[in-house]
Every structure is written in C-alpha cells, then in structure tokens.
Amino acid sequence: FERTSTNQITNWYSIKEYTKSTAVI
C-alpha cells in the first residue's frame, strides 16, 4: 500500500481472505 504507482513496496501485509477470483484487503 503506497502513495504512488511504483513497484518499490516498502511493507508487505498478509491477505487473509481470498478465493480464486476475489481478495479482501
């Protein structure tokens, strides 16, 4: 989750709820 659309991600957070086509963040 970043301020700009860069690929340089400072922190990664686990996604706990997802299916084959959906994800809750």
PDBML (XML) file of the C-alpha atoms, coordinates in Angstrom:
<?xml version="1.0" encoding="UTF-8" ?>
<PDBx:datablock datablockName="MODEL"
   xmlns:PDBx="http://pdbml.pdb.org/schema/pdbx-v50.xsd"
   xmlns:xsi="http://www.w3.org/2001/XMLSchema-instance"
   xsi:schemaLocation="http://pdbml.pdb.org/schema/pdbx-v50.xsd pdbx-v50.xsd">
   <PDBx:atom_siteCategory>
      <PDBx:atom_site id="1">
         <PDBx:B_iso_or_equiv>0.00</PDBx:B_iso_or_equiv>
         <PDBx:Cartn_x>0.000</PDBx:Cartn_x>
         <PDBx:Cartn_y>0.000</PDBx:Cartn_y>
         <PDBx:Cartn_z>0.000</PDBx:Cartn_z>
         <PDBx:auth_asym_id>A</PDBx:auth_asym_id>
         <PDBx:auth_atom_id>CA</PDBx:auth_atom_id>
         <PDBx:auth_comp_id>PHE</PDBx:auth_comp_id>
         <PDBx:auth_seq_id>1</PDBx:auth_seq_id>
         <PDBx:group_PDB>ATOM</PDBx:group_PDB>
         <PDBx:label_alt_id xsi:nil="true" />
         <PDBx:label_asym_id>A</PDBx:label_asym_id>
         <PDBx:label_atom_id>CA</PDBx:label_atom_id>
         <PDBx:label_comp_id>PHE</PDBx:label_comp_id>
         <PDBx:label_entity_id>1</PDBx:label_entity_id>
         <PDBx:label_seq_id>1</PDBx:label_seq_id>
         <PDBx:occupancy>1.00</PDBx:occupancy>
         <PDBx:pdbx_PDB_model_num>1</PDBx:pdbx_PDB_model_num>
         <PDBx:type_symbol>C</PDBx:type_symbol>
      </PDBx:atom_site>
      <PDBx:atom_site id="2">
         <PDBx:B_iso_or_equiv>0.00</PDBx:B_iso_or_equiv>
         <PDBx:Cartn_x>1.813</PDBx:Cartn_x>
         <PDBx:Cartn_y>3.073</PDBx:Cartn_y>
         <PDBx:Cartn_z>-1.284</PDBx:Cartn_z>
         <PDBx:auth_asym_id>A</PDBx:auth_asym_id>
         <PDBx:auth_atom_id>CA</PDBx:auth_atom_id>
         <PDBx:auth_comp_id>GLU</PDBx:auth_comp_id>
         <PDBx:auth_seq_id>2</PDBx:auth_seq_id>
         <PDBx:group_PDB>ATOM</PDBx:group_PDB>
         <PDBx:label_alt_id xsi:nil="true" />
         <PDBx:label_asym_id>A</PDBx:label_asym_id>
         <PDBx:label_atom_id>CA</PDBx:label_atom_id>
         <PDBx:label_comp_id>GLU</PDBx:label_comp_id>
         <PDBx:label_entity_id>1</PDBx:label_entity_id>
         <PDBx:label_seq_id>2</PDBx:label_seq_id>
         <PDBx:occupancy>1.00</PDBx:occupancy>
         <PDBx:pdbx_PDB_model_num>1</PDBx:pdbx_PDB_model_num>
         <PDBx:type_symbol>C</PDBx:type_symbol>
      </PDBx:atom_site>
      <PDBx:atom_site id="3">
         <PDBx:B_iso_or_equiv>0.00</PDBx:B_iso_or_equiv>
         <PDBx:Cartn_x>1.215</PDBx:Cartn_x>
         <PDBx:Cartn_y>6.725</PDBx:Cartn_y>
         <PDBx:Cartn_z>-2.177</PDBx:Cartn_z>
         <PDBx:auth_asym_id>A</PDBx:auth_asym_id>
         <PDBx:auth_atom_id>CA</PDBx:auth_atom_id>
         <PDBx:auth_comp_id>ARG</PDBx:auth_comp_id>
         <PDBx:auth_seq_id>3</PDBx:auth_seq_id>
         <PDBx:group_PDB>ATOM</PDBx:group_PDB>
         <PDBx:label_alt_id xsi:nil="true" />
         <PDBx:label_asym_id>A</PDBx:label_asym_id>
         <PDBx:label_atom_id>CA</PDBx:label_atom_id>
         <PDBx:label_comp_id>ARG</PDBx:label_comp_id>
         <PDBx:label_entity_id>1</PDBx:label_entity_id>
         <PDBx:label_seq_id>3</PDBx:label_seq_id>
         <PDBx:occupancy>1.00</PDBx:occupancy>
         <PDBx:pdbx_PDB_model_num>1</PDBx:pdbx_PDB_model_num>
         <PDBx:type_symbol>C</PDBx:type_symbol>
      </PDBx:atom_site>
      <PDBx:atom_site id="4">
         <PDBx:B_iso_or_equiv>0.00</PDBx:B_iso_or_equiv>
         <PDBx:Cartn_x>2.451</PDBx:Cartn_x>
         <PDBx:Cartn_y>6.316</PDBx:Cartn_y>
         <PDBx:Cartn_z>-5.767</PDBx:Cartn_z>
         <PDBx:auth_asym_id>A</PDBx:auth_asym_id>
         <PDBx:auth_atom_id>CA</PDBx:auth_atom_id>
         <PDBx:auth_comp_id>THR</PDBx:auth_comp_id>
         <PDBx:auth_seq_id>4</PDBx:auth_seq_id>
         <PDBx:group_PDB>ATOM</PDBx:group_PDB>
         <PDBx:label_alt_id xsi:nil="true" />
         <PDBx:label_asym_id>A</PDBx:label_asym_id>
         <PDBx:label_atom_id>CA</PDBx:label_atom_id>
         <PDBx:label_comp_id>THR</PDBx:label_comp_id>
         <PDBx:label_entity_id>1</PDBx:label_entity_id>
         <PDBx:label_seq_id>4</PDBx:label_seq_id>
         <PDBx:occupancy>1.00</PDBx:occupancy>
         <PDBx:pdbx_PDB_model_num>1</PDBx:pdbx_PDB_model_num>
         <PDBx:type_symbol>C</PDBx:type_symbol>
      </PDBx:atom_site>
      <PDBx:atom_site id="5">
         <PDBx:B_iso_or_equiv>0.00</PDBx:B_iso_or_equiv>
         <PDBx:Cartn_x>2.159</PDBx:Cartn_x>
         <PDBx:Cartn_y>3.702</PDBx:Cartn_y>
         <PDBx:Cartn_z>-8.501</PDBx:Cartn_z>
         <PDBx:auth_asym_id>A</PDBx:auth_asym_id>
         <PDBx:auth_atom_id>CA</PDBx:auth_atom_id>
         <PDBx:auth_comp_id>SER</PDBx:auth_comp_id>
         <PDBx:auth_seq_id>5</PDBx:auth_seq_id>
         <PDBx:group_PDB>ATOM</PDBx:group_PDB>
         <PDBx:label_alt_id xsi:nil="true" />
         <PDBx:label_asym_id>A</PDBx:label_asym_id>
         <PDBx:label_atom_id>CA</PDBx:label_atom_id>
         <PDBx:label_comp_id>SER</PDBx:label_comp_id>
         <PDBx:label_entity_id>1</PDBx:label_entity_id>
         <PDBx:label_seq_id>5</PDBx:label_seq_id>
         <PDBx:occupancy>1.00</PDBx:occupancy>
         <PDBx:pdbx_PDB_model_num>1</PDBx:pdbx_PDB_model_num>
         <PDBx:type_symbol>C</PDBx:type_symbol>
      </PDBx:atom_site>
      <PDBx:atom_site id="6">
         <PDBx:B_iso_or_equiv>0.00</PDBx:B_iso_or_equiv>
         <PDBx:Cartn_x>5.694</PDBx:Cartn_x>
         <PDBx:Cartn_y>2.385</PDBx:Cartn_y>
         <PDBx:Cartn_z>-8.160</PDBx:Cartn_z>
         <PDBx:auth_asym_id>A</PDBx:auth_asym_id>
         <PDBx:auth_atom_id>CA</PDBx:auth_atom_id>
         <PDBx:auth_comp_id>THR</PDBx:auth_comp_id>
         <PDBx:auth_seq_id>6</PDBx:auth_seq_id>
         <PDBx:group_PDB>ATOM</PDBx:group_PDB>
         <PDBx:label_alt_id xsi:nil="true" />
         <PDBx:label_asym_id>A</PDBx:label_asym_id>
         <PDBx:label_atom_id>CA</PDBx:label_atom_id>
         <PDBx:label_comp_id>THR</PDBx:label_comp_id>
         <PDBx:label_entity_id>1</PDBx:label_entity_id>
         <PDBx:label_seq_id>6</PDBx:label_seq_id>
         <PDBx:occupancy>1.00</PDBx:occupancy>
         <PDBx:pdbx_PDB_model_num>1</PDBx:pdbx_PDB_model_num>
         <PDBx:type_symbol>C</PDBx:type_symbol>
      </PDBx:atom_site>
      <PDBx:atom_site id="7">
         <PDBx:B_iso_or_equiv>0.00</PDBx:B_iso_or_equiv>
         <PDBx:Cartn_x>6.798</PDBx:Cartn_x>
         <PDBx:Cartn_y>-1.185</PDBx:Cartn_y>
         <PDBx:Cartn_z>-7.756</PDBx:Cartn_z>
         <PDBx:auth_asym_id>A</PDBx:auth_asym_id>
         <PDBx:auth_atom_id>CA</PDBx:auth_atom_id>
         <PDBx:auth_comp_id>ASN</PDBx:auth_comp_id>
         <PDBx:auth_seq_id>7</PDBx:auth_seq_id>
         <PDBx:group_PDB>ATOM</PDBx:group_PDB>
         <PDBx:label_alt_id xsi:nil="true" />
         <PDBx:label_asym_id>A</PDBx:label_asym_id>
         <PDBx:label_atom_id>CA</PDBx:label_atom_id>
         <PDBx:label_comp_id>ASN</PDBx:label_comp_id>
         <PDBx:label_entity_id>1</PDBx:label_entity_id>
         <PDBx:label_seq_id>7</PDBx:label_seq_id>
         <PDBx:occupancy>1.00</PDBx:occupancy>
         <PDBx:pdbx_PDB_model_num>1</PDBx:pdbx_PDB_model_num>
         <PDBx:type_symbol>C</PDBx:type_symbol>
      </PDBx:atom_site>
      <PDBx:atom_site id="8">
         <PDBx:B_iso_or_equiv>0.00</PDBx:B_iso_or_equiv>
         <PDBx:Cartn_x>9.030</PDBx:Cartn_x>
         <PDBx:Cartn_y>-0.287</PDBx:Cartn_y>
         <PDBx:Cartn_z>-4.813</PDBx:Cartn_z>
         <PDBx:auth_asym_id>A</PDBx:auth_asym_id>
         <PDBx:auth_atom_id>CA</PDBx:auth_atom_id>
         <PDBx:auth_comp_id>GLN</PDBx:auth_comp_id>
         <PDBx:auth_seq_id>8</PDBx:auth_seq_id>
         <PDBx:group_PDB>ATOM</PDBx:group_PDB>
         <PDBx:label_alt_id xsi:nil="true" />
         <PDBx:label_asym_id>A</PDBx:label_asym_id>
         <PDBx:label_atom_id>CA</PDBx:label_atom_id>
         <PDBx:label_comp_id>GLN</PDBx:label_comp_id>
         <PDBx:label_entity_id>1</PDBx:label_entity_id>
         <PDBx:label_seq_id>8</PDBx:label_seq_id>
         <PDBx:occupancy>1.00</PDBx:occupancy>
         <PDBx:pdbx_PDB_model_num>1</PDBx:pdbx_PDB_model_num>
         <PDBx:type_symbol>C</PDBx:type_symbol>
      </PDBx:atom_site>
      <PDBx:atom_site id="9">
         <PDBx:B_iso_or_equiv>0.00</PDBx:B_iso_or_equiv>
         <PDBx:Cartn_x>6.926</PDBx:Cartn_x>
         <PDBx:Cartn_y>-1.632</PDBx:Cartn_y>
         <PDBx:Cartn_z>-1.967</PDBx:Cartn_z>
         <PDBx:auth_asym_id>A</PDBx:auth_asym_id>
         <PDBx:auth_atom_id>CA</PDBx:auth_atom_id>
         <PDBx:auth_comp_id>ILE</PDBx:auth_comp_id>
         <PDBx:auth_seq_id>9</PDBx:auth_seq_id>
         <PDBx:group_PDB>ATOM</PDBx:group_PDB>
         <PDBx:label_alt_id xsi:nil="true" />
         <PDBx:label_asym_id>A</PDBx:label_asym_id>
         <PDBx:label_atom_id>CA</PDBx:label_atom_id>
         <PDBx:label_comp_id>ILE</PDBx:label_comp_id>
         <PDBx:label_entity_id>1</PDBx:label_entity_id>
         <PDBx:label_seq_id>9</PDBx:label_seq_id>
         <PDBx:occupancy>1.00</PDBx:occupancy>
         <PDBx:pdbx_PDB_model_num>1</PDBx:pdbx_PDB_model_num>
         <PDBx:type_symbol>C</PDBx:type_symbol>
      </PDBx:atom_site>
      <PDBx:atom_site id="10">
         <PDBx:B_iso_or_equiv>0.00</PDBx:B_iso_or_equiv>
         <PDBx:Cartn_x>8.226</PDBx:Cartn_x>
         <PDBx:Cartn_y>-0.731</PDBx:Cartn_y>
         <PDBx:Cartn_z>1.487</PDBx:Cartn_z>
         <PDBx:auth_asym_id>A</PDBx:auth_asym_id>
         <PDBx:auth_atom_id>CA</PDBx:auth_atom_id>
         <PDBx:auth_comp_id>THR</PDBx:auth_comp_id>
         <PDBx:auth_seq_id>10</PDBx:auth_seq_id>
         <PDBx:group_PDB>ATOM</PDBx:group_PDB>
         <PDBx:label_alt_id xsi:nil="true" />
         <PDBx:label_asym_id>A</PDBx:label_asym_id>
         <PDBx:label_atom_id>CA</PDBx:label_atom_id>
         <PDBx:label_comp_id>THR</PDBx:label_comp_id>
         <PDBx:label_entity_id>1</PDBx:label_entity_id>
         <PDBx:label_seq_id>10</PDBx:label_seq_id>
         <PDBx:occupancy>1.00</PDBx:occupancy>
         <PDBx:pdbx_PDB_model_num>1</PDBx:pdbx_PDB_model_num>
         <PDBx:type_symbol>C</PDBx:type_symbol>
      </PDBx:atom_site>
      <PDBx:atom_site id="11">
         <PDBx:B_iso_or_equiv>0.00</PDBx:B_iso_or_equiv>
         <PDBx:Cartn_x>5.981</PDBx:Cartn_x>
         <PDBx:Cartn_y>-3.052</PDBx:Cartn_y>
         <PDBx:Cartn_z>3.507</PDBx:Cartn_z>
         <PDBx:auth_asym_id>A</PDBx:auth_asym_id>
         <PDBx:auth_atom_id>CA</PDBx:auth_atom_id>
         <PDBx:auth_comp_id>ASN</PDBx:auth_comp_id>
         <PDBx:auth_seq_id>11</PDBx:auth_seq_id>
         <PDBx:group_PDB>ATOM</PDBx:group_PDB>
         <PDBx:label_alt_id xsi:nil="true" />
         <PDBx:label_asym_id>A</PDBx:label_asym_id>
         <PDBx:label_atom_id>CA</PDBx:label_atom_id>
         <PDBx:label_comp_id>ASN</PDBx:label_comp_id>
         <PDBx:label_entity_id>1</PDBx:label_entity_id>
         <PDBx:label_seq_id>11</PDBx:label_seq_id>
         <PDBx:occupancy>1.00</PDBx:occupancy>
         <PDBx:pdbx_PDB_model_num>1</PDBx:pdbx_PDB_model_num>
         <PDBx:type_symbol>C</PDBx:type_symbol>
      </PDBx:atom_site>
      <PDBx:atom_site id="12">
         <PDBx:B_iso_or_equiv>0.00</PDBx:B_iso_or_equiv>
         <PDBx:Cartn_x>4.012</PDBx:Cartn_x>
         <PDBx:Cartn_y>-6.183</PDBx:Cartn_y>
         <PDBx:Cartn_z>2.622</PDBx:Cartn_z>
         <PDBx:auth_asym_id>A</PDBx:auth_asym_id>
         <PDBx:auth_atom_id>CA</PDBx:auth_atom_id>
         <PDBx:auth_comp_id>TRP</PDBx:auth_comp_id>
         <PDBx:auth_seq_id>12</PDBx:auth_seq_id>
         <PDBx:group_PDB>ATOM</PDBx:group_PDB>
         <PDBx:label_alt_id xsi:nil="true" />
         <PDBx:label_asym_id>A</PDBx:label_asym_id>
         <PDBx:label_atom_id>CA</PDBx:label_atom_id>
         <PDBx:label_comp_id>TRP</PDBx:label_comp_id>
         <PDBx:label_entity_id>1</PDBx:label_entity_id>
         <PDBx:label_seq_id>12</PDBx:label_seq_id>
         <PDBx:occupancy>1.00</PDBx:occupancy>
         <PDBx:pdbx_PDB_model_num>1</PDBx:pdbx_PDB_model_num>
         <PDBx:type_symbol>C</PDBx:type_symbol>
      </PDBx:atom_site>
      <PDBx:atom_site id="13">
         <PDBx:B_iso_or_equiv>0.00</PDBx:B_iso_or_equiv>
         <PDBx:Cartn_x>0.906</PDBx:Cartn_x>
         <PDBx:Cartn_y>-7.253</PDBx:Cartn_y>
         <PDBx:Cartn_z>4.554</PDBx:Cartn_z>
         <PDBx:auth_asym_id>A</PDBx:auth_asym_id>
         <PDBx:auth_atom_id>CA</PDBx:auth_atom_id>
         <PDBx:auth_comp_id>TYR</PDBx:auth_comp_id>
         <PDBx:auth_seq_id>13</PDBx:auth_seq_id>
         <PDBx:group_PDB>ATOM</PDBx:group_PDB>
         <PDBx:label_alt_id xsi:nil="true" />
         <PDBx:label_asym_id>A</PDBx:label_asym_id>
         <PDBx:label_atom_id>CA</PDBx:label_atom_id>
         <PDBx:label_comp_id>TYR</PDBx:label_comp_id>
         <PDBx:label_entity_id>1</PDBx:label_entity_id>
         <PDBx:label_seq_id>13</PDBx:label_seq_id>
         <PDBx:occupancy>1.00</PDBx:occupancy>
         <PDBx:pdbx_PDB_model_num>1</PDBx:pdbx_PDB_model_num>
         <PDBx:type_symbol>C</PDBx:type_symbol>
      </PDBx:atom_site>
      <PDBx:atom_site id="14">
         <PDBx:B_iso_or_equiv>0.00</PDBx:B_iso_or_equiv>
         <PDBx:Cartn_x>-0.781</PDBx:Cartn_x>
         <PDBx:Cartn_y>-10.643</PDBx:Cartn_y>
         <PDBx:Cartn_z>4.563</PDBx:Cartn_z>
         <PDBx:auth_asym_id>A</PDBx:auth_asym_id>
         <PDBx:auth_atom_id>CA</PDBx:auth_atom_id>
         <PDBx:auth_comp_id>SER</PDBx:auth_comp_id>
         <PDBx:auth_seq_id>14</PDBx:auth_seq_id>
         <PDBx:group_PDB>ATOM</PDBx:group_PDB>
         <PDBx:label_alt_id xsi:nil="true" />
         <PDBx:label_asym_id>A</PDBx:label_asym_id>
         <PDBx:label_atom_id>CA</PDBx:label_atom_id>
         <PDBx:label_comp_id>SER</PDBx:label_comp_id>
         <PDBx:label_entity_id>1</PDBx:label_entity_id>
         <PDBx:label_seq_id>14</PDBx:label_seq_id>
         <PDBx:occupancy>1.00</PDBx:occupancy>
         <PDBx:pdbx_PDB_model_num>1</PDBx:pdbx_PDB_model_num>
         <PDBx:type_symbol>C</PDBx:type_symbol>
      </PDBx:atom_site>
      <PDBx:atom_site id="15">
         <PDBx:B_iso_or_equiv>0.00</PDBx:B_iso_or_equiv>
         <PDBx:Cartn_x>-4.096</PDBx:Cartn_x>
         <PDBx:Cartn_y>-11.159</PDBx:Cartn_y>
         <PDBx:Cartn_z>2.720</PDBx:Cartn_z>
         <PDBx:auth_asym_id>A</PDBx:auth_asym_id>
         <PDBx:auth_atom_id>CA</PDBx:auth_atom_id>
         <PDBx:auth_comp_id>ILE</PDBx:auth_comp_id>
         <PDBx:auth_seq_id>15</PDBx:auth_seq_id>
         <PDBx:group_PDB>ATOM</PDBx:group_PDB>
         <PDBx:label_alt_id xsi:nil="true" />
         <PDBx:label_asym_id>A</PDBx:label_asym_id>
         <PDBx:label_atom_id>CA</PDBx:label_atom_id>
         <PDBx:label_comp_id>ILE</PDBx:label_comp_id>
         <PDBx:label_entity_id>1</PDBx:label_entity_id>
         <PDBx:label_seq_id>15</PDBx:label_seq_id>
         <PDBx:occupancy>1.00</PDBx:occupancy>
         <PDBx:pdbx_PDB_model_num>1</PDBx:pdbx_PDB_model_num>
         <PDBx:type_symbol>C</PDBx:type_symbol>
      </PDBx:atom_site>
      <PDBx:atom_site id="16">
         <PDBx:B_iso_or_equiv>0.00</PDBx:B_iso_or_equiv>
         <PDBx:Cartn_x>-6.213</PDBx:Cartn_x>
         <PDBx:Cartn_y>-13.398</PDBx:Cartn_y>
         <PDBx:Cartn_z>4.925</PDBx:Cartn_z>
         <PDBx:auth_asym_id>A</PDBx:auth_asym_id>
         <PDBx:auth_atom_id>CA</PDBx:auth_atom_id>
         <PDBx:auth_comp_id>LYS</PDBx:auth_comp_id>
         <PDBx:auth_seq_id>16</PDBx:auth_seq_id>
         <PDBx:group_PDB>ATOM</PDBx:group_PDB>
         <PDBx:label_alt_id xsi:nil="true" />
         <PDBx:label_asym_id>A</PDBx:label_asym_id>
         <PDBx:label_atom_id>CA</PDBx:label_atom_id>
         <PDBx:label_comp_id>LYS</PDBx:label_comp_id>
         <PDBx:label_entity_id>1</PDBx:label_entity_id>
         <PDBx:label_seq_id>16</PDBx:label_seq_id>
         <PDBx:occupancy>1.00</PDBx:occupancy>
         <PDBx:pdbx_PDB_model_num>1</PDBx:pdbx_PDB_model_num>
         <PDBx:type_symbol>C</PDBx:type_symbol>
      </PDBx:atom_site>
      <PDBx:atom_site id="17">
         <PDBx:B_iso_or_equiv>0.00</PDBx:B_iso_or_equiv>
         <PDBx:Cartn_x>-9.443</PDBx:Cartn_x>
         <PDBx:Cartn_y>-13.622</PDBx:Cartn_y>
         <PDBx:Cartn_z>2.913</PDBx:Cartn_z>
         <PDBx:auth_asym_id>A</PDBx:auth_asym_id>
         <PDBx:auth_atom_id>CA</PDBx:auth_atom_id>
         <PDBx:auth_comp_id>GLU</PDBx:auth_comp_id>
         <PDBx:auth_seq_id>17</PDBx:auth_seq_id>
         <PDBx:group_PDB>ATOM</PDBx:group_PDB>
         <PDBx:label_alt_id xsi:nil="true" />
         <PDBx:label_asym_id>A</PDBx:label_asym_id>
         <PDBx:label_atom_id>CA</PDBx:label_atom_id>
         <PDBx:label_comp_id>GLU</PDBx:label_comp_id>
         <PDBx:label_entity_id>1</PDBx:label_entity_id>
         <PDBx:label_seq_id>17</PDBx:label_seq_id>
         <PDBx:occupancy>1.00</PDBx:occupancy>
         <PDBx:pdbx_PDB_model_num>1</PDBx:pdbx_PDB_model_num>
         <PDBx:type_symbol>C</PDBx:type_symbol>
      </PDBx:atom_site>
      <PDBx:atom_site id="18">
         <PDBx:B_iso_or_equiv>0.00</PDBx:B_iso_or_equiv>
         <PDBx:Cartn_x>-9.417</PDBx:Cartn_x>
         <PDBx:Cartn_y>-14.631</PDBx:Cartn_y>
         <PDBx:Cartn_z>-0.787</PDBx:Cartn_z>
         <PDBx:auth_asym_id>A</PDBx:auth_asym_id>
         <PDBx:auth_atom_id>CA</PDBx:auth_atom_id>
         <PDBx:auth_comp_id>TYR</PDBx:auth_comp_id>
         <PDBx:auth_seq_id>18</PDBx:auth_seq_id>
         <PDBx:group_PDB>ATOM</PDBx:group_PDB>
         <PDBx:label_alt_id xsi:nil="true" />
         <PDBx:label_asym_id>A</PDBx:label_asym_id>
         <PDBx:label_atom_id>CA</PDBx:label_atom_id>
         <PDBx:label_comp_id>TYR</PDBx:label_comp_id>
         <PDBx:label_entity_id>1</PDBx:label_entity_id>
         <PDBx:label_seq_id>18</PDBx:label_seq_id>
         <PDBx:occupancy>1.00</PDBx:occupancy>
         <PDBx:pdbx_PDB_model_num>1</PDBx:pdbx_PDB_model_num>
         <PDBx:type_symbol>C</PDBx:type_symbol>
      </PDBx:atom_site>
      <PDBx:atom_site id="19">
         <PDBx:B_iso_or_equiv>0.00</PDBx:B_iso_or_equiv>
         <PDBx:Cartn_x>-10.876</PDBx:Cartn_x>
         <PDBx:Cartn_y>-17.022</PDBx:Cartn_y>
         <PDBx:Cartn_z>-3.379</PDBx:Cartn_z>
         <PDBx:auth_asym_id>A</PDBx:auth_asym_id>
         <PDBx:auth_atom_id>CA</PDBx:auth_atom_id>
         <PDBx:auth_comp_id>THR</PDBx:auth_comp_id>
         <PDBx:auth_seq_id>19</PDBx:auth_seq_id>
         <PDBx:group_PDB>ATOM</PDBx:group_PDB>
         <PDBx:label_alt_id xsi:nil="true" />
         <PDBx:label_asym_id>A</PDBx:label_asym_id>
         <PDBx:label_atom_id>CA</PDBx:label_atom_id>
         <PDBx:label_comp_id>THR</PDBx:label_comp_id>
         <PDBx:label_entity_id>1</PDBx:label_entity_id>
         <PDBx:label_seq_id>19</PDBx:label_seq_id>
         <PDBx:occupancy>1.00</PDBx:occupancy>
         <PDBx:pdbx_PDB_model_num>1</PDBx:pdbx_PDB_model_num>
         <PDBx:type_symbol>C</PDBx:type_symbol>
      </PDBx:atom_site>
      <PDBx:atom_site id="20">
         <PDBx:B_iso_or_equiv>0.00</PDBx:B_iso_or_equiv>
         <PDBx:Cartn_x>-9.918</PDBx:Cartn_x>
         <PDBx:Cartn_y>-17.941</PDBx:Cartn_y>
         <PDBx:Cartn_z>-6.940</PDBx:Cartn_z>
         <PDBx:auth_asym_id>A</PDBx:auth_asym_id>
         <PDBx:auth_atom_id>CA</PDBx:auth_atom_id>
         <PDBx:auth_comp_id>LYS</PDBx:auth_comp_id>
         <PDBx:auth_seq_id>20</PDBx:auth_seq_id>
         <PDBx:group_PDB>ATOM</PDBx:group_PDB>
         <PDBx:label_alt_id xsi:nil="true" />
         <PDBx:label_asym_id>A</PDBx:label_asym_id>
         <PDBx:label_atom_id>CA</PDBx:label_atom_id>
         <PDBx:label_comp_id>LYS</PDBx:label_comp_id>
         <PDBx:label_entity_id>1</PDBx:label_entity_id>
         <PDBx:label_seq_id>20</PDBx:label_seq_id>
         <PDBx:occupancy>1.00</PDBx:occupancy>
         <PDBx:pdbx_PDB_model_num>1</PDBx:pdbx_PDB_model_num>
         <PDBx:type_symbol>C</PDBx:type_symbol>
      </PDBx:atom_site>
      <PDBx:atom_site id="21">
         <PDBx:B_iso_or_equiv>0.00</PDBx:B_iso_or_equiv>
         <PDBx:Cartn_x>-11.163</PDBx:Cartn_x>
         <PDBx:Cartn_y>-14.588</PDBx:Cartn_y>
         <PDBx:Cartn_z>-8.207</PDBx:Cartn_z>
         <PDBx:auth_asym_id>A</PDBx:auth_asym_id>
         <PDBx:auth_atom_id>CA</PDBx:auth_atom_id>
         <PDBx:auth_comp_id>SER</PDBx:auth_comp_id>
         <PDBx:auth_seq_id>21</PDBx:auth_seq_id>
         <PDBx:group_PDB>ATOM</PDBx:group_PDB>
         <PDBx:label_alt_id xsi:nil="true" />
         <PDBx:label_asym_id>A</PDBx:label_asym_id>
         <PDBx:label_atom_id>CA</PDBx:label_atom_id>
         <PDBx:label_comp_id>SER</PDBx:label_comp_id>
         <PDBx:label_entity_id>1</PDBx:label_entity_id>
         <PDBx:label_seq_id>21</PDBx:label_seq_id>
         <PDBx:occupancy>1.00</PDBx:occupancy>
         <PDBx:pdbx_PDB_model_num>1</PDBx:pdbx_PDB_model_num>
         <PDBx:type_symbol>C</PDBx:type_symbol>
      </PDBx:atom_site>
      <PDBx:atom_site id="22">
         <PDBx:B_iso_or_equiv>0.00</PDBx:B_iso_or_equiv>
         <PDBx:Cartn_x>-11.562</PDBx:Cartn_x>
         <PDBx:Cartn_y>-12.277</PDBx:Cartn_y>
         <PDBx:Cartn_z>-5.177</PDBx:Cartn_z>
         <PDBx:auth_asym_id>A</PDBx:auth_asym_id>
         <PDBx:auth_atom_id>CA</PDBx:auth_atom_id>
         <PDBx:auth_comp_id>THR</PDBx:auth_comp_id>
         <PDBx:auth_seq_id>22</PDBx:auth_seq_id>
         <PDBx:group_PDB>ATOM</PDBx:group_PDB>
         <PDBx:label_alt_id xsi:nil="true" />
         <PDBx:label_asym_id>A</PDBx:label_asym_id>
         <PDBx:label_atom_id>CA</PDBx:label_atom_id>
         <PDBx:label_comp_id>THR</PDBx:label_comp_id>
         <PDBx:label_entity_id>1</PDBx:label_entity_id>
         <PDBx:label_seq_id>22</PDBx:label_seq_id>
         <PDBx:occupancy>1.00</PDBx:occupancy>
         <PDBx:pdbx_PDB_model_num>1</PDBx:pdbx_PDB_model_num>
         <PDBx:type_symbol>C</PDBx:type_symbol>
      </PDBx:atom_site>
      <PDBx:atom_site id="23">
         <PDBx:B_iso_or_equiv>0.00</PDBx:B_iso_or_equiv>
         <PDBx:Cartn_x>-9.462</PDBx:Cartn_x>
         <PDBx:Cartn_y>-10.843</PDBx:Cartn_y>
         <PDBx:Cartn_z>-2.378</PDBx:Cartn_z>
         <PDBx:auth_asym_id>A</PDBx:auth_asym_id>
         <PDBx:auth_atom_id>CA</PDBx:auth_atom_id>
         <PDBx:auth_comp_id>ALA</PDBx:auth_comp_id>
         <PDBx:auth_seq_id>23</PDBx:auth_seq_id>
         <PDBx:group_PDB>ATOM</PDBx:group_PDB>
         <PDBx:label_alt_id xsi:nil="true" />
         <PDBx:label_asym_id>A</PDBx:label_asym_id>
         <PDBx:label_atom_id>CA</PDBx:label_atom_id>
         <PDBx:label_comp_id>ALA</PDBx:label_comp_id>
         <PDBx:label_entity_id>1</PDBx:label_entity_id>
         <PDBx:label_seq_id>23</PDBx:label_seq_id>
         <PDBx:occupancy>1.00</PDBx:occupancy>
         <PDBx:pdbx_PDB_model_num>1</PDBx:pdbx_PDB_model_num>
         <PDBx:type_symbol>C</PDBx:type_symbol>
      </PDBx:atom_site>
      <PDBx:atom_site id="24">
         <PDBx:B_iso_or_equiv>0.00</PDBx:B_iso_or_equiv>
         <PDBx:Cartn_x>-10.326</PDBx:Cartn_x>
         <PDBx:Cartn_y>-8.742</PDBx:Cartn_y>
         <PDBx:Cartn_z>0.673</PDBx:Cartn_z>
         <PDBx:auth_asym_id>A</PDBx:auth_asym_id>
         <PDBx:auth_atom_id>CA</PDBx:auth_atom_id>
         <PDBx:auth_comp_id>VAL</PDBx:auth_comp_id>
         <PDBx:auth_seq_id>24</PDBx:auth_seq_id>
         <PDBx:group_PDB>ATOM</PDBx:group_PDB>
         <PDBx:label_alt_id xsi:nil="true" />
         <PDBx:label_asym_id>A</PDBx:label_asym_id>
         <PDBx:label_atom_id>CA</PDBx:label_atom_id>
         <PDBx:label_comp_id>VAL</PDBx:label_comp_id>
         <PDBx:label_entity_id>1</PDBx:label_entity_id>
         <PDBx:label_seq_id>24</PDBx:label_seq_id>
         <PDBx:occupancy>1.00</PDBx:occupancy>
         <PDBx:pdbx_PDB_model_num>1</PDBx:pdbx_PDB_model_num>
         <PDBx:type_symbol>C</PDBx:type_symbol>
      </PDBx:atom_site>
      <PDBx:atom_site id="25">
         <PDBx:B_iso_or_equiv>0.00</PDBx:B_iso_or_equiv>
         <PDBx:Cartn_x>-7.613</PDBx:Cartn_x>
         <PDBx:Cartn_y>-6.270</PDBx:Cartn_y>
         <PDBx:Cartn_z>1.698</PDBx:Cartn_z>
         <PDBx:auth_asym_id>A</PDBx:auth_asym_id>
         <PDBx:auth_atom_id>CA</PDBx:auth_atom_id>
         <PDBx:auth_comp_id>ILE</PDBx:auth_comp_id>
         <PDBx:auth_seq_id>25</PDBx:auth_seq_id>
         <PDBx:group_PDB>ATOM</PDBx:group_PDB>
         <PDBx:label_alt_id xsi:nil="true" />
         <PDBx:label_asym_id>A</PDBx:label_asym_id>
         <PDBx:label_atom_id>CA</PDBx:label_atom_id>
         <PDBx:label_comp_id>ILE</PDBx:label_comp_id>
         <PDBx:label_entity_id>1</PDBx:label_entity_id>
         <PDBx:label_seq_id>25</PDBx:label_seq_id>
         <PDBx:occupancy>1.00</PDBx:occupancy>
         <PDBx:pdbx_PDB_model_num>1</PDBx:pdbx_PDB_model_num>
         <PDBx:type_symbol>C</PDBx:type_symbol>
      </PDBx:atom_site>
   </PDBx:atom_siteCategory>
</PDBx:datablock>
